[in-house]
């Protein structure tokens, strides 16, 4: 992860320019359709701040963080509010957000760290909250020539990670092409809704306890 953060610090201005205008409005609309008006959203690994800005402009409250200090600084300039320098492993909020947006950010974690990151994001969701996440579609881990770490996922692999979360109501997965015309990657997207209350005990268990 250290080399990945160092890469984004060195290339922050280029990265923001390259991604800030990418049109992810269709993904955001699918996410926002499940968030209450004016709800509180966590942009986890916010990058350029593009999506945080779109949420703020739509009247949502947003907290954003990124692991790379220089990226966080530029994102804060864009959205006109503080962006915290933070890593997934440092997130410890509980039932704070109506929605968590983790767009193309978890993919930089080693596969062994993703389940813990998902648990932390999940804990930060309110009951009936929604988690959106995206990773490059594939199966494996790699480090590119610049030292950035990537973990790819198939739907099966993602569902295995999500199976560890408690209180999942629904999981919706779908594939999309990269919106940048020079890129040929495919992205795996998921919307995961948290149950609005603890899952009820099985009737059989209740009957056994109360003969």
N, C-alpha and C. Protein backbone atom coordinates (compact mmCIF):
# COMPACT_ATOMS: atom_id res chain seq x y z
N UNK A 1 0.83 -1.21 0.00
CA UNK A 1 0.00 0.00 0.00
C UNK A 1 0.87 1.26 0.00
N UNK A 2 2.06 1.19 0.64
CA UNK A 2 2.92 2.36 0.73
C UNK A 2 3.32 2.87 -0.64
N UNK A 3 3.72 1.97 -1.55
CA UNK A 3 4.12 2.40 -2.89
C UNK A 3 2.93 2.99 -3.64
N UNK A 4 1.75 2.44 -3.43
CA UNK A 4 0.57 2.96 -4.09
C UNK A 4 0.29 4.39 -3.65
N UNK A 5 0.34 4.65 -2.35
CA UNK A 5 0.12 6.00 -1.84
C UNK A 5 1.21 6.94 -2.36
N UNK A 6 2.45 6.48 -2.38
CA UNK A 6 3.54 7.31 -2.88
C UNK A 6 3.33 7.68 -4.35
N UNK A 7 2.83 6.71 -5.13
CA UNK A 7 2.56 6.99 -6.54
C UNK A 7 1.54 8.11 -6.68
N UNK A 8 0.45 8.04 -5.92
CA UNK A 8 -0.60 9.04 -6.05
C UNK A 8 -0.16 10.40 -5.51
N UNK A 9 0.70 10.41 -4.51
CA UNK A 9 1.25 11.68 -4.06
C UNK A 9 2.12 12.33 -5.14
N UNK A 10 2.94 11.51 -5.81
CA UNK A 10 3.82 12.04 -6.86
C UNK A 10 3.04 12.53 -8.07
N UNK A 11 1.93 11.86 -8.36
CA UNK A 11 1.20 12.10 -9.60
C UNK A 11 -0.19 12.69 -9.35
N UNK A 12 -0.36 13.36 -8.23
CA UNK A 12 -1.69 13.82 -7.82
C UNK A 12 -2.33 14.74 -8.85
N UNK A 13 -1.60 15.72 -9.35
CA UNK A 13 -2.19 16.68 -10.28
C UNK A 13 -2.63 15.98 -11.56
N UNK A 14 -1.78 15.11 -12.08
CA UNK A 14 -2.15 14.36 -13.29
C UNK A 14 -3.37 13.49 -13.04
N UNK A 15 -3.38 12.78 -11.90
CA UNK A 15 -4.48 11.86 -11.61
C UNK A 15 -5.81 12.61 -11.51
N UNK A 16 -5.81 13.73 -10.82
CA UNK A 16 -7.05 14.50 -10.69
C UNK A 16 -7.53 14.96 -12.05
N UNK A 17 -6.64 15.48 -12.88
CA UNK A 17 -7.02 15.92 -14.23
C UNK A 17 -7.57 14.77 -15.05
N UNK A 18 -6.97 13.58 -14.89
CA UNK A 18 -7.37 12.41 -15.69
C UNK A 18 -8.72 11.85 -15.28
N UNK A 19 -9.13 12.04 -14.04
CA UNK A 19 -10.34 11.36 -13.54
C UNK A 19 -11.49 12.28 -13.17
N UNK A 20 -11.23 13.57 -12.96
CA UNK A 20 -12.27 14.43 -12.39
C UNK A 20 -13.45 14.61 -13.33
N UNK A 21 -13.25 14.47 -14.63
CA UNK A 21 -14.34 14.66 -15.58
C UNK A 21 -14.95 13.35 -16.07
N UNK A 22 -14.49 12.22 -15.56
CA UNK A 22 -15.05 10.93 -15.98
C UNK A 22 -16.52 10.87 -15.57
N UNK A 23 -17.39 10.51 -16.49
CA UNK A 23 -18.83 10.55 -16.26
C UNK A 23 -19.32 9.27 -15.62
N UNK A 24 -19.48 9.31 -14.31
CA UNK A 24 -20.04 8.17 -13.58
C UNK A 24 -21.45 8.49 -13.07
N UNK A 25 -22.13 9.39 -13.76
CA UNK A 25 -23.45 9.83 -13.29
C UNK A 25 -24.44 8.67 -13.22
N UNK A 26 -24.37 7.71 -14.15
CA UNK A 26 -25.31 6.59 -14.12
C UNK A 26 -25.11 5.74 -12.87
N UNK A 27 -23.85 5.53 -12.48
CA UNK A 27 -23.58 4.77 -11.25
C UNK A 27 -24.05 5.55 -10.03
N UNK A 28 -23.78 6.83 -10.01
CA UNK A 28 -24.22 7.65 -8.86
C UNK A 28 -25.74 7.65 -8.74
N UNK A 29 -26.45 7.75 -9.86
CA UNK A 29 -27.92 7.76 -9.80
C UNK A 29 -28.46 6.46 -9.24
N UNK A 30 -27.84 5.35 -9.62
CA UNK A 30 -28.29 4.05 -9.12
C UNK A 30 -28.08 3.96 -7.61
N UNK A 31 -27.00 4.55 -7.13
CA UNK A 31 -26.70 4.59 -5.70
C UNK A 31 -27.64 5.55 -4.97
N UNK A 32 -27.77 6.76 -5.49
CA UNK A 32 -28.57 7.79 -4.81
C UNK A 32 -30.05 7.45 -4.77
N UNK A 33 -30.51 6.62 -5.69
CA UNK A 33 -31.91 6.21 -5.68
C UNK A 33 -32.28 5.48 -4.38
N UNK A 34 -31.26 5.00 -3.66
CA UNK A 34 -31.50 4.26 -2.43
C UNK A 34 -31.08 5.03 -1.18
N UNK A 35 -30.73 6.30 -1.36
CA UNK A 35 -30.29 7.14 -0.23
C UNK A 35 -31.37 8.18 0.04
N UNK A 36 -31.75 8.40 1.30
CA UNK A 36 -32.76 9.43 1.57
C UNK A 36 -32.29 10.83 1.18
N UNK A 37 -33.21 11.66 0.80
CA UNK A 37 -32.89 13.04 0.42
C UNK A 37 -32.12 13.73 1.54
N UNK A 38 -31.01 14.34 1.18
CA UNK A 38 -30.19 15.03 2.18
C UNK A 38 -29.42 14.11 3.09
N UNK A 39 -29.35 12.82 2.74
CA UNK A 39 -28.66 11.84 3.58
C UNK A 39 -27.17 12.08 3.68
N UNK A 40 -26.54 11.34 4.59
CA UNK A 40 -25.12 11.49 4.91
C UNK A 40 -24.36 10.37 4.21
N UNK A 41 -23.38 10.74 3.37
CA UNK A 41 -22.62 9.79 2.55
C UNK A 41 -21.15 9.85 2.92
N UNK A 42 -20.53 8.69 3.05
CA UNK A 42 -19.08 8.58 3.21
C UNK A 42 -18.48 8.23 1.86
N UNK A 43 -17.60 9.10 1.35
CA UNK A 43 -16.85 8.82 0.13
C UNK A 43 -15.50 8.25 0.55
N UNK A 44 -15.39 6.93 0.50
CA UNK A 44 -14.25 6.21 1.05
C UNK A 44 -13.19 5.97 -0.02
N UNK A 45 -12.10 6.73 0.07
CA UNK A 45 -11.10 6.70 -0.99
C UNK A 45 -11.57 7.58 -2.13
N UNK A 46 -11.72 8.87 -1.84
CA UNK A 46 -12.47 9.77 -2.72
C UNK A 46 -11.72 10.18 -3.98
N UNK A 47 -10.40 9.94 -4.05
CA UNK A 47 -9.67 10.35 -5.24
C UNK A 47 -9.81 11.83 -5.49
N UNK A 48 -10.11 12.19 -6.71
CA UNK A 48 -10.18 13.61 -7.11
C UNK A 48 -11.25 14.40 -6.38
N UNK A 49 -12.22 13.73 -5.80
CA UNK A 49 -13.36 14.41 -5.17
C UNK A 49 -14.52 14.60 -6.12
N UNK A 50 -14.40 14.05 -7.31
CA UNK A 50 -15.45 14.18 -8.35
C UNK A 50 -16.83 13.76 -7.83
N UNK A 51 -16.90 12.60 -7.19
CA UNK A 51 -18.21 12.09 -6.77
C UNK A 51 -18.71 12.82 -5.52
N UNK A 52 -17.79 13.15 -4.62
CA UNK A 52 -18.19 13.97 -3.46
C UNK A 52 -18.82 15.27 -3.91
N UNK A 53 -18.19 15.92 -4.89
CA UNK A 53 -18.73 17.18 -5.40
C UNK A 53 -20.14 16.99 -5.96
N UNK A 54 -20.33 15.92 -6.73
CA UNK A 54 -21.66 15.65 -7.30
C UNK A 54 -22.69 15.42 -6.20
N UNK A 55 -22.30 14.72 -5.14
CA UNK A 55 -23.24 14.48 -4.04
C UNK A 55 -23.58 15.79 -3.33
N UNK A 56 -22.58 16.60 -3.05
CA UNK A 56 -22.82 17.89 -2.38
C UNK A 56 -23.73 18.77 -3.23
N UNK A 57 -23.48 18.79 -4.52
CA UNK A 57 -24.30 19.61 -5.41
C UNK A 57 -25.75 19.14 -5.47
N UNK A 58 -25.98 17.89 -5.14
CA UNK A 58 -27.34 17.34 -5.10
C UNK A 58 -27.99 17.50 -3.73
N UNK A 59 -27.29 18.11 -2.80
CA UNK A 59 -27.88 18.39 -1.49
C UNK A 59 -27.61 17.34 -0.43
N UNK A 60 -26.69 16.42 -0.69
CA UNK A 60 -26.33 15.41 0.31
C UNK A 60 -25.19 15.92 1.17
N UNK A 61 -25.14 15.45 2.38
CA UNK A 61 -24.02 15.72 3.27
C UNK A 61 -22.94 14.66 3.02
N UNK A 62 -21.69 15.07 3.00
CA UNK A 62 -20.61 14.17 2.61
C UNK A 62 -19.43 14.30 3.56
N UNK A 63 -18.87 13.16 3.93
CA UNK A 63 -17.52 13.12 4.52
C UNK A 63 -16.66 12.31 3.57
N UNK A 64 -15.48 12.84 3.24
CA UNK A 64 -14.60 12.17 2.29
C UNK A 64 -13.24 11.95 2.91
N UNK A 65 -12.61 10.83 2.53
CA UNK A 65 -11.23 10.60 2.94
C UNK A 65 -10.46 9.94 1.82
N UNK A 66 -9.14 10.08 1.87
CA UNK A 66 -8.24 9.40 0.94
C UNK A 66 -6.93 9.13 1.66
N UNK A 67 -6.24 8.06 1.26
CA UNK A 67 -4.99 7.71 1.93
C UNK A 67 -3.83 8.59 1.51
N UNK A 68 -3.89 9.19 0.33
CA UNK A 68 -2.79 9.99 -0.20
C UNK A 68 -2.97 11.45 0.19
N UNK A 69 -2.08 12.03 0.97
CA UNK A 69 -2.26 13.42 1.43
C UNK A 69 -2.41 14.43 0.30
N UNK A 70 -1.66 14.28 -0.77
CA UNK A 70 -1.74 15.26 -1.84
C UNK A 70 -3.06 15.15 -2.60
N UNK A 71 -3.54 13.93 -2.78
CA UNK A 71 -4.86 13.74 -3.39
C UNK A 71 -5.93 14.36 -2.50
N UNK A 72 -5.84 14.11 -1.19
CA UNK A 72 -6.83 14.67 -0.26
C UNK A 72 -6.83 16.19 -0.32
N UNK A 73 -5.65 16.78 -0.45
CA UNK A 73 -5.57 18.25 -0.51
C UNK A 73 -6.27 18.79 -1.75
N UNK A 74 -6.02 18.15 -2.90
CA UNK A 74 -6.65 18.61 -4.14
C UNK A 74 -8.15 18.36 -4.13
N UNK A 75 -8.57 17.24 -3.57
CA UNK A 75 -10.00 16.97 -3.48
C UNK A 75 -10.70 17.99 -2.59
N UNK A 76 -10.05 18.37 -1.50
CA UNK A 76 -10.63 19.38 -0.61
C UNK A 76 -10.80 20.71 -1.32
N UNK A 77 -9.84 21.08 -2.17
CA UNK A 77 -9.97 22.30 -2.95
C UNK A 77 -11.18 22.23 -3.88
N UNK A 78 -11.40 21.05 -4.45
CA UNK A 78 -12.52 20.89 -5.39
C UNK A 78 -13.86 20.98 -4.69
N UNK A 79 -14.01 20.30 -3.57
CA UNK A 79 -15.34 20.20 -2.95
C UNK A 79 -15.57 21.29 -1.89
N UNK A 80 -14.53 22.08 -1.63
CA UNK A 80 -14.65 23.22 -0.69
C UNK A 80 -15.03 22.77 0.72
N UNK A 81 -14.46 21.64 1.13
CA UNK A 81 -14.62 21.19 2.50
C UNK A 81 -13.45 20.25 2.82
N UNK A 82 -13.16 20.03 4.10
CA UNK A 82 -12.01 19.20 4.44
C UNK A 82 -12.16 17.77 3.92
N UNK A 83 -11.05 17.19 3.52
CA UNK A 83 -10.96 15.78 3.16
C UNK A 83 -9.90 15.16 4.06
N UNK A 84 -10.28 14.18 4.83
CA UNK A 84 -9.38 13.60 5.82
C UNK A 84 -8.38 12.67 5.14
N UNK A 85 -7.15 12.68 5.63
CA UNK A 85 -6.15 11.70 5.21
C UNK A 85 -6.33 10.48 6.12
N UNK A 86 -6.79 9.39 5.53
CA UNK A 86 -7.18 8.23 6.33
C UNK A 86 -7.10 6.98 5.46
N UNK A 87 -6.85 5.85 6.08
CA UNK A 87 -6.85 4.56 5.40
C UNK A 87 -8.04 3.74 5.87
N UNK A 88 -8.40 2.75 5.09
CA UNK A 88 -9.56 1.93 5.44
C UNK A 88 -9.41 1.32 6.83
N UNK A 89 -8.20 0.89 7.16
CA UNK A 89 -7.96 0.24 8.45
C UNK A 89 -8.09 1.17 9.64
N UNK A 90 -8.20 2.47 9.39
CA UNK A 90 -8.35 3.45 10.47
C UNK A 90 -9.80 3.87 10.68
N UNK A 91 -10.69 3.38 9.86
CA UNK A 91 -12.11 3.75 9.98
C UNK A 91 -12.74 2.98 11.13
N UNK A 92 -13.36 3.70 12.07
CA UNK A 92 -13.94 3.02 13.23
C UNK A 92 -15.30 3.60 13.62
N UNK A 93 -16.01 4.21 12.68
CA UNK A 93 -17.33 4.77 12.97
C UNK A 93 -18.39 3.67 13.01
N UNK A 94 -19.48 3.96 13.69
CA UNK A 94 -20.55 2.98 13.83
C UNK A 94 -21.89 3.63 13.46
N UNK A 95 -22.61 3.01 12.53
CA UNK A 95 -23.97 3.43 12.16
C UNK A 95 -24.07 4.93 11.94
N UNK A 96 -23.14 5.48 11.16
CA UNK A 96 -23.07 6.92 10.96
C UNK A 96 -23.63 7.40 9.63
N UNK A 97 -23.67 6.53 8.61
CA UNK A 97 -23.93 6.98 7.24
C UNK A 97 -25.12 6.28 6.61
N UNK A 98 -25.87 7.05 5.80
CA UNK A 98 -26.95 6.47 5.01
C UNK A 98 -26.39 5.72 3.80
N UNK A 99 -25.22 6.13 3.34
CA UNK A 99 -24.60 5.46 2.20
C UNK A 99 -23.10 5.54 2.29
N UNK A 100 -22.43 4.49 1.82
CA UNK A 100 -20.97 4.48 1.71
C UNK A 100 -20.62 4.24 0.25
N UNK A 101 -19.79 5.11 -0.29
CA UNK A 101 -19.39 5.08 -1.70
C UNK A 101 -17.90 4.76 -1.75
N UNK A 102 -17.55 3.57 -2.24
CA UNK A 102 -16.15 3.14 -2.34
C UNK A 102 -15.86 2.81 -3.80
N UNK A 103 -15.74 3.86 -4.59
CA UNK A 103 -15.59 3.73 -6.04
C UNK A 103 -14.11 3.60 -6.41
N UNK A 104 -13.72 2.46 -6.95
CA UNK A 104 -12.35 2.24 -7.43
C UNK A 104 -11.31 2.56 -6.36
N UNK A 105 -11.59 2.21 -5.12
CA UNK A 105 -10.64 2.50 -4.04
C UNK A 105 -10.18 1.23 -3.31
N UNK A 106 -11.09 0.33 -3.02
CA UNK A 106 -10.71 -0.92 -2.36
C UNK A 106 -9.74 -1.74 -3.19
N UNK A 107 -9.74 -1.54 -4.49
CA UNK A 107 -8.90 -2.34 -5.38
C UNK A 107 -7.41 -2.17 -5.12
N UNK A 108 -7.01 -1.12 -4.40
CA UNK A 108 -5.59 -0.93 -4.12
C UNK A 108 -5.14 -1.66 -2.85
N UNK A 109 -6.06 -2.30 -2.15
CA UNK A 109 -5.69 -3.08 -0.96
C UNK A 109 -5.25 -4.49 -1.36
N UNK A 110 -4.31 -5.09 -0.63
CA UNK A 110 -4.07 -6.52 -0.81
C UNK A 110 -5.35 -7.30 -0.53
N UNK A 111 -5.54 -8.41 -1.21
CA UNK A 111 -6.77 -9.19 -1.04
C UNK A 111 -7.00 -9.57 0.42
N UNK A 112 -5.92 -9.85 1.14
CA UNK A 112 -6.05 -10.27 2.53
C UNK A 112 -6.62 -9.16 3.42
N UNK A 113 -6.52 -7.89 2.98
CA UNK A 113 -7.01 -6.77 3.78
C UNK A 113 -8.43 -6.34 3.42
N UNK A 114 -8.94 -6.81 2.29
CA UNK A 114 -10.26 -6.35 1.84
C UNK A 114 -11.38 -6.78 2.78
N UNK A 115 -11.42 -8.03 3.28
CA UNK A 115 -12.51 -8.37 4.21
C UNK A 115 -12.59 -7.45 5.42
N UNK A 116 -11.46 -7.09 6.02
CA UNK A 116 -11.47 -6.19 7.16
C UNK A 116 -11.98 -4.80 6.77
N UNK A 117 -11.54 -4.33 5.60
CA UNK A 117 -12.01 -3.02 5.13
C UNK A 117 -13.51 -3.03 4.92
N UNK A 118 -14.03 -4.09 4.35
CA UNK A 118 -15.48 -4.20 4.15
C UNK A 118 -16.21 -4.22 5.48
N UNK A 119 -15.67 -4.93 6.47
CA UNK A 119 -16.30 -4.95 7.79
C UNK A 119 -16.37 -3.54 8.38
N UNK A 120 -15.31 -2.75 8.20
CA UNK A 120 -15.29 -1.40 8.74
C UNK A 120 -16.28 -0.48 8.01
N UNK A 121 -16.33 -0.60 6.69
CA UNK A 121 -17.30 0.20 5.93
C UNK A 121 -18.72 -0.20 6.31
N UNK A 122 -18.94 -1.48 6.47
CA UNK A 122 -20.27 -2.00 6.82
C UNK A 122 -20.71 -1.51 8.19
N UNK A 123 -19.78 -1.52 9.14
CA UNK A 123 -20.11 -1.04 10.49
C UNK A 123 -20.47 0.44 10.48
N UNK A 124 -19.91 1.19 9.55
CA UNK A 124 -20.18 2.63 9.48
C UNK A 124 -21.55 2.95 8.92
N UNK A 125 -22.20 1.96 8.30
CA UNK A 125 -23.53 2.16 7.71
C UNK A 125 -24.63 2.11 8.76
N UNK A 126 -25.61 2.98 8.61
CA UNK A 126 -26.83 2.89 9.41
C UNK A 126 -27.66 1.68 8.96
N UNK A 127 -28.57 1.20 9.81
CA UNK A 127 -29.54 0.21 9.33
C UNK A 127 -30.26 0.73 8.09
N UNK A 128 -30.48 -0.13 7.12
CA UNK A 128 -31.11 0.20 5.84
C UNK A 128 -30.19 1.05 4.96
N UNK A 129 -28.92 1.19 5.34
CA UNK A 129 -27.96 1.92 4.53
C UNK A 129 -27.49 1.09 3.34
N UNK A 130 -26.79 1.76 2.41
CA UNK A 130 -26.35 1.11 1.18
C UNK A 130 -24.86 1.36 0.96
N UNK A 131 -24.15 0.29 0.65
CA UNK A 131 -22.73 0.35 0.29
C UNK A 131 -22.59 0.13 -1.20
N UNK A 132 -21.90 1.07 -1.87
CA UNK A 132 -21.52 0.88 -3.28
C UNK A 132 -20.01 0.68 -3.33
N UNK A 133 -19.58 -0.28 -4.13
CA UNK A 133 -18.15 -0.48 -4.33
C UNK A 133 -17.90 -0.94 -5.76
N UNK A 134 -16.68 -0.68 -6.24
CA UNK A 134 -16.29 -1.14 -7.57
C UNK A 134 -14.83 -1.56 -7.57
N UNK A 135 -14.56 -2.63 -8.31
CA UNK A 135 -13.20 -3.12 -8.51
C UNK A 135 -13.07 -3.53 -9.97
N UNK A 136 -11.84 -3.62 -10.44
CA UNK A 136 -11.65 -4.11 -11.80
C UNK A 136 -12.01 -5.59 -11.85
N UNK A 137 -12.67 -5.96 -12.93
CA UNK A 137 -13.14 -7.34 -13.07
C UNK A 137 -11.98 -8.25 -13.44
N UNK A 138 -11.80 -9.28 -12.66
CA UNK A 138 -10.71 -10.22 -12.90
C UNK A 138 -10.50 -11.07 -11.67
N UNK A 139 -9.40 -11.80 -11.64
CA UNK A 139 -9.16 -12.71 -10.53
C UNK A 139 -7.66 -12.75 -10.24
N UNK A 140 -7.24 -12.08 -9.19
CA UNK A 140 -5.83 -12.11 -8.85
C UNK A 140 -5.35 -10.78 -8.31
N UNK A 141 -4.06 -10.73 -7.99
CA UNK A 141 -3.40 -9.53 -7.51
C UNK A 141 -2.19 -9.24 -8.39
N UNK A 142 -1.85 -7.96 -8.50
CA UNK A 142 -0.72 -7.58 -9.33
C UNK A 142 -0.19 -6.23 -8.87
N UNK A 143 1.05 -5.97 -9.26
CA UNK A 143 1.67 -4.67 -9.03
C UNK A 143 2.11 -4.15 -10.39
N UNK A 144 1.68 -2.92 -10.73
CA UNK A 144 2.03 -2.41 -12.05
C UNK A 144 3.45 -1.83 -12.06
N UNK A 145 3.87 -1.34 -13.20
CA UNK A 145 5.24 -0.85 -13.37
C UNK A 145 5.54 0.34 -12.47
N UNK A 146 4.51 1.05 -12.04
CA UNK A 146 4.69 2.22 -11.19
C UNK A 146 4.66 1.88 -9.70
N UNK A 147 4.46 0.60 -9.39
CA UNK A 147 4.43 0.18 -7.99
C UNK A 147 3.07 0.17 -7.35
N UNK A 148 2.02 0.42 -8.11
CA UNK A 148 0.67 0.40 -7.55
C UNK A 148 0.17 -1.04 -7.43
N UNK A 149 -0.42 -1.35 -6.29
CA UNK A 149 -1.00 -2.67 -6.07
C UNK A 149 -2.45 -2.69 -6.51
N UNK A 150 -2.86 -3.76 -7.18
CA UNK A 150 -4.26 -3.94 -7.59
C UNK A 150 -4.74 -5.33 -7.17
N UNK A 151 -5.95 -5.38 -6.64
CA UNK A 151 -6.65 -6.64 -6.42
C UNK A 151 -7.91 -6.62 -7.28
N UNK A 152 -8.02 -7.58 -8.18
CA UNK A 152 -9.18 -7.69 -9.05
C UNK A 152 -10.18 -8.67 -8.44
N UNK A 153 -11.41 -8.65 -8.92
CA UNK A 153 -12.42 -9.55 -8.36
C UNK A 153 -13.44 -9.96 -9.40
N UNK A 154 -13.84 -11.20 -9.33
CA UNK A 154 -15.02 -11.69 -10.04
C UNK A 154 -16.21 -11.54 -9.10
N UNK A 155 -17.40 -11.72 -9.62
CA UNK A 155 -18.58 -11.66 -8.75
C UNK A 155 -18.52 -12.74 -7.67
N UNK A 156 -18.04 -13.92 -8.03
CA UNK A 156 -17.94 -15.00 -7.05
C UNK A 156 -17.00 -14.62 -5.91
N UNK A 157 -15.85 -14.07 -6.26
CA UNK A 157 -14.89 -13.67 -5.23
C UNK A 157 -15.47 -12.57 -4.36
N UNK A 158 -16.14 -11.59 -4.97
CA UNK A 158 -16.73 -10.51 -4.19
C UNK A 158 -17.81 -11.03 -3.26
N UNK A 159 -18.66 -11.91 -3.76
CA UNK A 159 -19.72 -12.45 -2.90
C UNK A 159 -19.16 -13.27 -1.74
N UNK A 160 -18.02 -13.90 -1.95
CA UNK A 160 -17.38 -14.62 -0.84
C UNK A 160 -16.96 -13.63 0.25
N UNK A 161 -16.42 -12.48 -0.14
CA UNK A 161 -16.06 -11.46 0.86
C UNK A 161 -17.30 -10.92 1.55
N UNK A 162 -18.34 -10.64 0.77
CA UNK A 162 -19.55 -10.05 1.34
C UNK A 162 -20.30 -11.03 2.24
N UNK A 163 -20.08 -12.32 2.05
CA UNK A 163 -20.76 -13.33 2.87
C UNK A 163 -20.37 -13.22 4.34
N UNK A 164 -19.25 -12.55 4.62
CA UNK A 164 -18.81 -12.40 6.00
C UNK A 164 -19.53 -11.27 6.74
N UNK A 165 -20.27 -10.44 6.01
CA UNK A 165 -20.96 -9.30 6.63
C UNK A 165 -22.26 -9.76 7.26
N UNK A 166 -22.59 -9.19 8.39
CA UNK A 166 -23.82 -9.53 9.10
C UNK A 166 -24.94 -8.58 8.70
N UNK A 167 -26.14 -9.12 8.49
CA UNK A 167 -27.30 -8.28 8.24
C UNK A 167 -27.41 -7.76 6.82
N UNK A 168 -26.91 -8.52 5.85
CA UNK A 168 -27.06 -8.12 4.45
C UNK A 168 -28.48 -8.43 4.00
N UNK A 169 -29.16 -7.42 3.47
CA UNK A 169 -30.52 -7.61 2.96
C UNK A 169 -30.49 -8.01 1.49
N UNK A 170 -29.74 -7.26 0.66
CA UNK A 170 -29.67 -7.55 -0.78
C UNK A 170 -28.27 -7.24 -1.30
N UNK A 171 -27.88 -7.95 -2.36
CA UNK A 171 -26.64 -7.68 -3.08
C UNK A 171 -26.98 -7.62 -4.57
N UNK A 172 -26.59 -6.54 -5.22
CA UNK A 172 -26.83 -6.36 -6.66
C UNK A 172 -25.48 -6.12 -7.32
N UNK A 173 -25.05 -7.03 -8.21
CA UNK A 173 -23.76 -6.91 -8.90
C UNK A 173 -23.99 -6.74 -10.39
N UNK A 174 -23.14 -5.94 -11.03
CA UNK A 174 -23.22 -5.78 -12.48
C UNK A 174 -21.89 -5.29 -13.02
N UNK A 175 -21.67 -5.48 -14.32
CA UNK A 175 -20.42 -5.08 -14.98
C UNK A 175 -20.64 -3.84 -15.84
N UNK A 176 -19.62 -2.99 -15.89
CA UNK A 176 -19.65 -1.81 -16.76
C UNK A 176 -18.29 -1.63 -17.42
N UNK A 177 -18.25 -1.02 -18.62
CA UNK A 177 -16.96 -0.71 -19.24
C UNK A 177 -16.35 0.51 -18.57
N UNK A 178 -15.04 0.67 -18.70
CA UNK A 178 -14.39 1.89 -18.24
C UNK A 178 -14.88 3.05 -19.09
N UNK A 179 -15.23 4.16 -18.44
CA UNK A 179 -15.78 5.31 -19.15
C UNK A 179 -14.71 6.14 -19.86
N UNK A 180 -13.45 5.87 -19.61
CA UNK A 180 -12.38 6.58 -20.30
C UNK A 180 -12.14 5.91 -21.65
N UNK A 181 -12.22 6.65 -22.75
CA UNK A 181 -12.19 6.04 -24.08
C UNK A 181 -10.91 5.28 -24.39
N UNK A 182 -9.81 5.65 -23.74
CA UNK A 182 -8.55 4.97 -24.03
C UNK A 182 -8.36 3.69 -23.22
N UNK A 183 -9.31 3.38 -22.33
CA UNK A 183 -9.20 2.21 -21.46
C UNK A 183 -10.13 1.10 -21.92
N UNK A 184 -9.66 -0.14 -21.74
CA UNK A 184 -10.45 -1.30 -22.16
C UNK A 184 -10.89 -2.16 -20.98
N UNK A 185 -10.65 -1.72 -19.73
CA UNK A 185 -11.00 -2.54 -18.58
C UNK A 185 -12.51 -2.65 -18.39
N UNK A 186 -12.90 -3.70 -17.72
CA UNK A 186 -14.28 -3.88 -17.28
C UNK A 186 -14.31 -3.78 -15.76
N UNK A 187 -15.35 -3.13 -15.24
CA UNK A 187 -15.48 -2.92 -13.81
C UNK A 187 -16.62 -3.75 -13.24
N UNK A 188 -16.37 -4.32 -12.08
CA UNK A 188 -17.39 -5.02 -11.30
C UNK A 188 -17.94 -4.05 -10.27
N UNK A 189 -19.24 -3.83 -10.31
CA UNK A 189 -19.92 -2.93 -9.39
C UNK A 189 -20.85 -3.72 -8.47
N UNK A 190 -21.06 -3.20 -7.27
CA UNK A 190 -22.00 -3.85 -6.35
C UNK A 190 -22.69 -2.81 -5.48
N UNK A 191 -23.98 -3.00 -5.26
CA UNK A 191 -24.75 -2.28 -4.27
C UNK A 191 -25.20 -3.29 -3.22
N UNK A 192 -24.86 -3.02 -1.98
CA UNK A 192 -25.16 -3.95 -0.89
C UNK A 192 -25.97 -3.20 0.15
N UNK A 193 -27.20 -3.65 0.36
CA UNK A 193 -28.08 -2.97 1.33
C UNK A 193 -28.05 -3.69 2.66
N UNK A 194 -27.96 -2.88 3.71
CA UNK A 194 -28.00 -3.42 5.07
C UNK A 194 -29.46 -3.55 5.52
N UNK A 195 -29.76 -4.60 6.24
CA UNK A 195 -31.12 -4.79 6.75
C UNK A 195 -31.49 -3.63 7.67
N UNK A 196 -32.79 -3.30 7.71
CA UNK A 196 -33.22 -2.16 8.52
C UNK A 196 -33.35 -2.49 10.00
N UNK A 197 -33.21 -3.75 10.34
CA UNK A 197 -33.21 -4.18 11.74
C UNK A 197 -32.53 -5.54 11.79
N UNK A 198 -32.12 -6.00 12.97
CA UNK A 198 -31.48 -7.31 13.05
C UNK A 198 -32.35 -8.40 12.43
N UNK A 199 -31.71 -9.34 11.75
CA UNK A 199 -32.44 -10.41 11.12
C UNK A 199 -33.17 -11.24 12.18
N UNK A 200 -34.45 -11.57 11.97
CA UNK A 200 -35.19 -12.31 12.99
C UNK A 200 -34.66 -13.73 13.17
N UNK A 201 -34.80 -14.24 14.39
CA UNK A 201 -34.43 -15.63 14.64
C UNK A 201 -35.37 -16.54 13.88
N UNK A 202 -34.86 -17.73 13.53
CA UNK A 202 -35.69 -18.71 12.84
C UNK A 202 -36.84 -19.14 13.76
N UNK A 203 -37.99 -19.33 13.15
CA UNK A 203 -39.16 -19.74 13.92
C UNK A 203 -38.91 -21.02 14.70
N UNK A 204 -38.14 -21.92 14.09
CA UNK A 204 -37.86 -23.20 14.75
C UNK A 204 -37.10 -22.97 16.06
N UNK A 205 -36.15 -22.03 16.04
CA UNK A 205 -35.41 -21.76 17.26
C UNK A 205 -36.32 -21.16 18.32
N UNK A 206 -37.22 -20.26 17.89
CA UNK A 206 -38.15 -19.66 18.82
C UNK A 206 -39.06 -20.72 19.44
N UNK A 207 -39.54 -21.64 18.61
CA UNK A 207 -40.44 -22.68 19.11
C UNK A 207 -39.73 -23.59 20.10
N UNK A 208 -38.42 -23.88 19.79
CA UNK A 208 -37.66 -24.76 20.67
C UNK A 208 -37.44 -24.11 22.03
N UNK A 209 -37.29 -22.79 22.03
CA UNK A 209 -37.05 -22.08 23.28
C UNK A 209 -38.32 -21.89 24.08
N UNK A 210 -39.49 -22.00 23.40
CA UNK A 210 -40.78 -21.78 24.07
C UNK A 210 -41.73 -22.92 23.74
N UNK A 211 -41.48 -24.10 24.28
CA UNK A 211 -42.33 -25.26 23.93
C UNK A 211 -43.76 -25.07 24.41
